[in-house]
Amino acid sequence: MKVLFFGLGGIGQRHLRNLKKIQPDIQIAAFRTKGRTFEIGNDLLPDYNSDIVSKYNICTFEKFEEAMKYEPDFAVVSNPTSLHVSTAKQLVMNKIPVFMEKPISDCVDGLGQLLQMSKEKKVPVMIGYMMRFHPCAIKLKEMVDEMRIGKIFSVHVMINSFMPGWHSYEKYNEFYAGMQSLGGGVVLTEIHELDLIYWYFGKPDRLWAVGGKLSNLNIDVEDTVGVLLEQKFLGHKFPVSLNISFVQKYPLRKILIFGEHGKIEWDIIRSEIEVEDLTHNSREIYQNINFDRNSLFISEMRHFVECLSTTKDPITSLEKVIDGHLIALKIKESLNKDIVSSIDSLL
């Protein structure tokens, strides 16, 4: 099996190592425009004594036409967000399956065309929403579908991280997450929980976003955003509040669901779900002790490789997750135009 990489930064190199675990004899090539060759570990720390090109015997290409002659079995697209769709379109046109790192894009341009091409040519495009493979995420969906705490009254999502501390090997204002031209900003960068909310409850009817660049950092993207979504699930409406920031030094990732019988709280950092049912006077803890975050990336890549061999549709195929991504673009629209956005027709 042969794989072609577009982008070998931190996430690209993680996928590379995981593929070597899944398929030890896999051949690796890369379309490269940057000369960076040092290895970036799963802890995002650089090892300047390790050259990934020689260590993993990577065949490199500087022209797309040359890369196509390599005839890869699939490609991993982990270059900057603003390049995802154009890269994927070229690959699908050449009938090469695509594993695309999230987020899908920074704008709606070309999305419909990519989706149509993927359907017509029957070339799979899977999006790297690895949180869909989290045992707690799967358990929470079961609880929601089973109405574990009865009718839902409200949902609250809180996400705090500190983007300037993510990559020690590059300046934070040269990292794609902090650059508008490369598709950065907290809404798209921290899109995982929004995708989960879409997976659990579907499309909202409308939304309103406030916030923007609230920090003093030298970036040109939004870093803190609050969103109110009008959600509908099982025939009734309720509010979902989403508060995200990547300039907070206090880490926090939680999803809280309040219903007629009590609450469900998923502490994502601790990998723990707590269910308090006050109607039936019960309390339940679901916990993954010694959880290994990299197992999620391994699971999603193994799933993609298996889908290629069985021709099954990936659970996070472009068609299945695109509406959730378009909600993120609607959030950015609401933020930039200071409007309440209706979710009638997204594409």
Protein backbone atom coordinates (compact mmCIF):
# COMPACT_ATOMS: atom_id res chain seq x y z
CA MET A 1 0.00 0.00 0.00
CA LYS A 2 1.21 3.50 -0.90
CA VAL A 3 0.18 6.80 0.71
CA LEU A 4 0.84 10.36 -0.42
CA PHE A 5 0.98 13.14 2.19
CA PHE A 6 0.13 16.80 1.66
CA GLY A 7 1.50 18.48 4.76
CA LEU A 8 3.89 16.91 7.28
CA GLY A 9 3.53 19.20 10.26
CA GLY A 10 2.56 17.96 13.70
CA ILE A 11 -0.73 16.29 12.71
CA GLY A 12 0.64 14.96 9.43
CA GLN A 13 3.55 13.28 11.19
CA ARG A 14 1.18 11.79 13.77
CA HIS A 15 -0.84 10.21 10.96
CA LEU A 16 2.40 9.00 9.37
CA ARG A 17 3.51 7.17 12.53
CA ASN A 18 0.06 5.71 13.08
CA LEU A 19 -0.08 4.40 9.53
CA LYS A 20 3.28 2.69 10.09
CA LYS A 21 1.74 0.97 13.14
CA ILE A 22 -1.33 -0.11 11.18
CA GLN A 23 0.54 -1.06 7.99
CA PRO A 24 4.26 -1.52 8.81
CA ASP A 25 5.16 -2.13 5.14
CA ILE A 26 3.33 0.95 3.83
CA GLN A 27 5.28 3.11 1.36
CA ILE A 28 5.24 6.83 2.08
CA ALA A 29 5.56 9.80 -0.24
CA ALA A 30 4.96 13.51 0.28
CA PHE A 31 4.20 16.56 -1.83
CA ARG A 32 6.27 19.19 -0.05
CA THR A 33 6.72 22.94 -0.35
CA LYS A 34 8.53 23.47 2.97
CA GLY A 35 12.00 22.23 3.84
CA ARG A 36 11.15 21.28 7.44
CA THR A 37 12.41 17.75 8.05
CA PHE A 38 12.77 17.42 11.84
CA GLU A 39 10.40 15.06 13.64
CA ILE A 40 7.51 16.42 15.70
CA GLY A 41 6.36 14.00 18.38
CA ASN A 42 2.80 13.31 19.51
CA ASP A 43 3.56 15.68 22.39
CA LEU A 44 4.25 18.35 19.72
CA LEU A 45 7.86 18.65 20.84
CA PRO A 46 10.49 18.80 18.07
CA ASP A 47 13.38 16.38 17.72
CA TYR A 48 15.92 18.22 15.60
CA ASN A 49 18.20 15.15 15.57
CA SER A 50 15.62 13.08 13.71
CA ASP A 51 15.14 13.57 9.97
CA ILE A 52 11.70 12.22 8.98
CA VAL A 53 12.57 11.89 5.28
CA SER A 54 15.40 9.47 5.94
CA LYS A 55 13.86 7.84 9.04
CA TYR A 56 10.65 6.86 7.22
CA ASN A 57 12.19 6.59 3.73
CA ILE A 58 9.84 9.24 2.34
CA CYS A 59 9.81 9.89 -1.39
CA THR A 60 9.28 13.62 -1.93
CA PHE A 61 7.76 15.54 -4.84
CA GLU A 62 7.74 19.25 -5.61
CA LYS A 63 5.22 19.09 -8.47
CA PHE A 64 1.71 17.67 -8.32
CA GLU A 65 2.05 15.96 -11.70
CA GLU A 66 5.11 14.07 -10.46
CA ALA A 67 3.25 13.02 -7.31
CA MET A 68 0.42 11.56 -9.41
CA LYS A 69 2.89 9.29 -11.21
CA TYR A 70 3.59 7.73 -7.82
CA GLU A 71 0.05 6.23 -8.06
CA PRO A 72 -0.81 6.27 -4.36
CA ASP A 73 -3.61 4.11 -2.97
CA PHE A 74 -4.81 7.12 -0.97
CA ALA A 75 -3.70 10.56 0.21
CA VAL A 76 -3.59 12.30 3.57
CA VAL A 77 -4.41 16.01 3.30
CA SER A 78 -3.03 17.81 6.36
CA ASN A 79 -1.81 21.06 4.82
CA PRO A 80 -3.25 24.47 5.88
CA THR A 81 -7.06 24.64 5.98
CA SER A 82 -7.28 27.15 3.13
CA LEU A 83 -5.70 24.55 0.80
CA HIS A 84 -7.82 21.53 1.77
CA VAL A 85 -10.58 21.74 -0.81
CA SER A 86 -8.39 22.61 -3.80
CA THR A 87 -5.99 19.78 -2.90
CA ALA A 88 -8.82 17.27 -2.39
CA LYS A 89 -10.47 18.22 -5.69
CA GLN A 90 -7.28 17.47 -7.61
CA LEU A 91 -6.94 14.12 -5.86
CA VAL A 92 -10.56 13.08 -6.39
CA MET A 93 -10.25 14.10 -10.03
CA ASN A 94 -7.40 11.59 -10.24
CA LYS A 95 -9.56 8.98 -8.42
CA ILE A 96 -7.38 8.96 -5.30
CA PRO A 97 -9.24 8.45 -1.98
CA VAL A 98 -8.68 11.24 0.53
CA PHE A 99 -8.27 11.33 4.28
CA MET A 100 -8.63 15.03 5.07
CA GLU A 101 -7.68 16.55 8.40
CA LYS A 102 -10.29 18.83 9.97
CA PRO A 103 -11.50 21.50 9.40
CA ILE A 104 -12.72 20.86 5.87
CA SER A 105 -12.33 24.42 4.61
CA ASP A 106 -12.32 28.09 5.58
CA CYS A 107 -15.12 29.07 3.19
CA VAL A 108 -17.95 27.55 1.19
CA ASP A 109 -16.20 27.94 -2.18
CA GLY A 110 -15.70 24.59 -3.90
CA LEU A 111 -17.38 22.52 -1.18
CA GLY A 112 -20.43 21.57 -3.24
CA GLN A 113 -18.23 20.74 -6.21
CA LEU A 114 -15.96 18.52 -4.11
CA LEU A 115 -18.94 16.66 -2.67
CA GLN A 116 -20.47 16.14 -6.12
CA MET A 117 -17.15 14.94 -7.56
CA SER A 118 -16.71 12.47 -4.71
CA LYS A 119 -20.20 11.04 -5.35
CA GLU A 120 -19.93 10.88 -9.13
CA LYS A 121 -16.49 9.32 -9.20
CA LYS A 122 -17.22 7.13 -6.16
CA VAL A 123 -14.00 8.29 -4.50
CA PRO A 124 -14.23 8.40 -0.69
CA VAL A 125 -13.30 11.55 1.22
CA MET A 126 -13.10 11.03 4.99
CA ILE A 127 -12.72 13.90 7.46
CA GLY A 128 -10.48 13.49 10.51
CA TYR A 129 -13.04 14.00 13.27
CA MET A 130 -11.24 11.66 15.62
CA MET A 131 -13.51 12.62 18.55
CA ARG A 132 -16.26 10.57 16.90
CA PHE A 133 -14.17 7.53 17.90
CA HIS A 134 -13.88 8.54 21.57
CA PRO A 135 -15.55 5.93 23.84
CA CYS A 136 -17.14 8.73 25.87
CA ALA A 137 -18.46 10.45 22.74
CA ILE A 138 -20.05 7.20 21.62
CA LYS A 139 -21.47 6.55 25.10
CA LEU A 140 -22.90 10.06 25.29
CA LYS A 141 -24.66 9.61 21.95
CA GLU A 142 -26.23 6.41 23.26
CA MET A 143 -27.46 8.29 26.33
CA VAL A 144 -28.90 11.11 24.21
CA ASP A 145 -30.66 8.70 21.84
CA GLU A 146 -32.07 6.73 24.79
CA MET A 147 -33.24 9.97 26.49
CA ARG A 148 -31.27 8.97 29.58
CA ILE A 149 -32.35 12.14 31.46
CA GLY A 150 -35.65 12.58 29.64
CA LYS A 151 -36.55 15.64 27.62
CA ILE A 152 -33.56 17.92 27.03
CA PHE A 153 -33.86 21.50 28.25
CA SER A 154 -30.41 22.92 27.43
CA VAL A 155 -26.87 22.01 26.36
CA HIS A 156 -23.70 23.87 27.32
CA VAL A 157 -20.30 23.39 25.67
CA MET A 158 -17.17 25.00 27.13
CA ILE A 159 -13.76 24.87 25.44
CA ASN A 160 -10.64 26.63 26.70
CA SER A 161 -7.15 26.12 25.31
CA PHE A 162 -4.01 28.20 24.77
CA MET A 163 -2.97 28.18 21.12
CA PRO A 164 0.35 30.10 21.58
CA GLY A 165 1.62 27.17 23.65
CA TRP A 166 0.73 24.43 21.19
CA HIS A 167 3.80 24.48 18.93
CA SER A 168 7.19 25.22 20.45
CA TYR A 169 8.89 24.84 17.05
CA GLU A 170 7.18 27.80 15.37
CA LYS A 171 5.93 31.28 16.23
CA TYR A 172 2.25 31.32 17.18
CA ASN A 173 1.52 34.10 14.68
CA GLU A 174 3.07 32.04 11.88
CA PHE A 175 0.97 28.98 12.77
CA TYR A 176 -2.11 28.47 10.55
CA ALA A 177 -4.53 28.64 13.51
CA GLY A 178 -3.66 32.30 14.05
CA MET A 179 -3.65 33.35 10.40
CA GLN A 180 -6.79 34.31 8.46
CA SER A 181 -5.06 33.67 5.13
CA LEU A 182 -4.49 30.03 6.06
CA GLY A 183 -7.99 29.40 7.42
CA GLY A 184 -7.34 29.89 11.12
CA GLY A 185 -9.46 31.16 13.98
CA VAL A 186 -10.91 29.44 17.03
CA VAL A 187 -14.24 28.47 15.39
CA LEU A 188 -12.66 26.20 12.79
CA THR A 189 -9.58 25.18 14.77
CA GLU A 190 -11.64 23.97 17.75
CA ILE A 191 -14.44 22.45 15.65
CA HIS A 192 -14.55 18.97 17.22
CA GLU A 193 -17.21 19.69 19.85
CA LEU A 194 -19.39 21.49 17.31
CA ASP A 195 -19.20 18.40 15.10
CA LEU A 196 -20.27 16.28 18.08
CA ILE A 197 -23.25 18.55 18.76
CA TYR A 198 -24.26 18.19 15.10
CA TRP A 199 -23.81 14.39 15.37
CA TYR A 200 -26.00 14.24 18.47
CA PHE A 201 -28.76 16.68 17.55
CA GLY A 202 -28.54 17.53 13.84
CA LYS A 203 -28.77 21.02 12.32
CA PRO A 204 -29.96 23.97 14.42
CA ASP A 205 -32.72 26.22 13.13
CA ARG A 206 -30.72 29.41 13.67
CA LEU A 207 -27.74 30.76 15.57
CA TRP A 208 -26.14 33.93 16.85
CA ALA A 209 -22.44 34.47 17.60
CA VAL A 210 -20.57 37.18 19.50
CA GLY A 211 -16.91 37.68 20.32
CA GLY A 212 -13.89 38.11 18.08
CA LYS A 213 -10.23 38.88 18.72
CA LEU A 214 -10.34 39.70 22.42
CA SER A 215 -6.70 39.04 23.33
CA ASN A 216 -3.63 41.22 22.75
CA LEU A 217 -1.93 38.51 20.71
CA ASN A 218 -0.48 39.35 17.31
CA ILE A 219 -3.05 37.39 15.28
CA ASP A 220 -5.71 38.43 12.77
CA VAL A 221 -8.43 35.88 13.60
CA GLU A 222 -11.17 35.48 16.21
CA ASP A 223 -9.82 33.93 19.41
CA THR A 224 -12.91 33.89 21.67
CA VAL A 225 -16.49 33.25 20.58
CA GLY A 226 -19.83 32.63 22.28
CA VAL A 227 -22.60 31.01 20.22
CA LEU A 228 -26.29 30.45 20.93
CA LEU A 229 -27.92 27.81 18.75
CA GLU A 230 -31.65 27.11 18.54
CA GLN A 231 -31.67 23.34 18.38
CA LYS A 232 -34.49 20.92 17.62
CA PHE A 233 -34.36 17.26 18.70
CA LEU A 234 -37.13 14.66 18.87
CA GLY A 235 -39.73 17.27 18.09
CA HIS A 236 -38.89 19.95 20.65
CA LYS A 237 -36.58 22.96 20.75
CA PHE A 238 -33.91 23.90 23.27
CA PRO A 239 -30.88 26.23 23.41
CA VAL A 240 -27.29 25.13 22.96
CA SER A 241 -24.59 27.50 24.18
CA LEU A 242 -21.08 27.08 22.83
CA ASN A 243 -18.21 29.06 24.39
CA ILE A 244 -14.80 28.56 22.79
CA SER A 245 -11.45 30.27 23.27
CA PHE A 246 -7.88 29.38 22.39
CA VAL A 247 -6.27 32.16 24.41
CA GLN A 248 -7.21 30.78 27.84
CA LYS A 249 -4.38 29.41 29.97
CA TYR A 250 -6.83 27.47 32.13
CA PRO A 251 -7.66 24.31 30.12
CA LEU A 252 -11.31 23.27 30.00
CA ARG A 253 -13.35 20.97 27.75
CA LYS A 254 -16.84 20.04 28.91
CA ILE A 255 -20.26 19.20 27.54
CA LEU A 256 -23.22 19.52 29.92
CA ILE A 257 -26.73 18.37 29.05
CA PHE A 258 -29.63 19.32 31.32
CA GLY A 259 -32.96 17.48 31.11
CA GLU A 260 -36.17 16.86 32.99
CA HIS A 261 -34.58 14.18 35.22
CA GLY A 262 -31.15 15.72 35.85
CA LYS A 263 -27.91 16.27 33.99
CA ILE A 264 -25.16 14.56 32.02
CA GLU A 265 -21.66 16.04 32.25
CA TRP A 266 -18.76 14.93 30.07
CA ASP A 267 -15.40 16.17 31.29
CA ILE A 268 -13.42 15.57 28.11
CA ILE A 269 -10.01 16.24 29.64
CA ARG A 270 -10.64 13.70 32.41
CA SER A 271 -12.41 11.34 29.99
CA GLU A 272 -15.31 10.97 32.40
CA ILE A 273 -19.09 11.10 32.06
CA GLU A 274 -21.25 11.69 35.12
CA VAL A 275 -25.01 11.16 35.00
CA GLU A 276 -27.15 12.52 37.83
CA ASP A 277 -30.78 11.40 37.69
CA LEU A 278 -32.61 13.28 40.46
CA THR A 279 -36.01 11.82 39.56
CA HIS A 280 -34.81 8.27 40.22
CA ASN A 281 -32.17 9.27 42.79
CA SER A 282 -29.30 7.68 40.91
CA ARG A 283 -25.75 8.64 39.98
CA GLU A 284 -23.61 6.92 37.34
CA ILE A 285 -19.95 7.39 36.40
CA TYR A 286 -18.53 6.27 33.06
CA GLN A 287 -14.76 6.66 32.98
CA ASN A 288 -11.82 5.71 30.75
CA ILE A 289 -8.86 5.31 33.09
CA ASN A 290 -5.41 5.92 31.56
CA PHE A 291 -7.01 7.09 28.32
CA ASP A 292 -4.53 7.43 25.43
CA ARG A 293 -5.56 10.30 23.15
CA ASN A 294 -3.51 8.95 20.26
CA SER A 295 -5.75 5.86 20.20
CA LEU A 296 -8.44 8.07 18.62
CA PHE A 297 -6.16 8.96 15.71
CA ILE A 298 -5.22 5.31 15.28
CA SER A 299 -8.89 4.28 15.32
CA GLU A 300 -9.92 6.80 12.68
CA MET A 301 -7.03 5.90 10.37
CA ARG A 302 -7.61 2.17 10.81
CA HIS A 303 -11.27 2.74 9.99
CA PHE A 304 -10.36 4.63 6.82
CA VAL A 305 -7.95 1.91 5.65
CA GLU A 306 -10.58 -0.75 6.34
CA CYS A 307 -13.18 1.22 4.39
CA LEU A 308 -10.83 1.34 1.41
CA SER A 309 -10.44 -2.45 1.43
CA THR A 310 -14.15 -3.15 1.95
CA THR A 311 -15.57 -0.22 -0.06
CA LYS A 312 -17.69 0.77 2.97
CA ASP A 313 -18.60 4.41 3.44
CA PRO A 314 -16.55 6.03 6.27
CA ILE A 315 -18.56 7.12 9.29
CA THR A 316 -17.13 10.63 8.89
CA SER A 317 -17.36 10.83 5.12
CA LEU A 318 -17.60 14.30 3.61
CA GLU A 319 -21.29 13.78 2.85
CA LYS A 320 -22.09 12.81 6.45
CA VAL A 321 -20.27 15.67 8.18
CA ILE A 322 -20.41 18.55 5.71
CA ASP A 323 -23.53 20.15 7.21
CA GLY A 324 -21.85 20.28 10.62
CA HIS A 325 -18.89 22.05 9.03
CA LEU A 326 -21.18 24.50 7.28
CA ILE A 327 -22.69 25.38 10.67
CA ALA A 328 -19.19 26.51 11.69
CA LEU A 329 -19.05 28.72 8.61
CA LYS A 330 -22.47 30.14 9.56
CA ILE A 331 -21.07 30.94 13.01
CA LYS A 332 -18.25 32.91 11.40
CA GLU A 333 -20.80 34.68 9.19
CA SER A 334 -22.92 35.63 12.21
CA LEU A 335 -19.83 36.86 14.02
CA ASN A 336 -18.50 38.93 11.13
CA LYS A 337 -21.85 40.43 10.07
CA ASP A 338 -23.40 40.71 13.55
CA ILE A 339 -26.57 38.90 12.46
CA VAL A 340 -28.75 35.98 13.52
CA SER A 341 -28.14 33.29 10.87
CA SER A 342 -30.92 30.97 9.78
CA ILE A 343 -29.95 27.44 8.77
CA ASP A 344 -32.30 26.88 5.85
CA SER A 345 -30.15 25.65 3.00
CA LEU A 346 -26.47 25.36 3.79
CA LEU A 347 -25.17 24.49 0.35
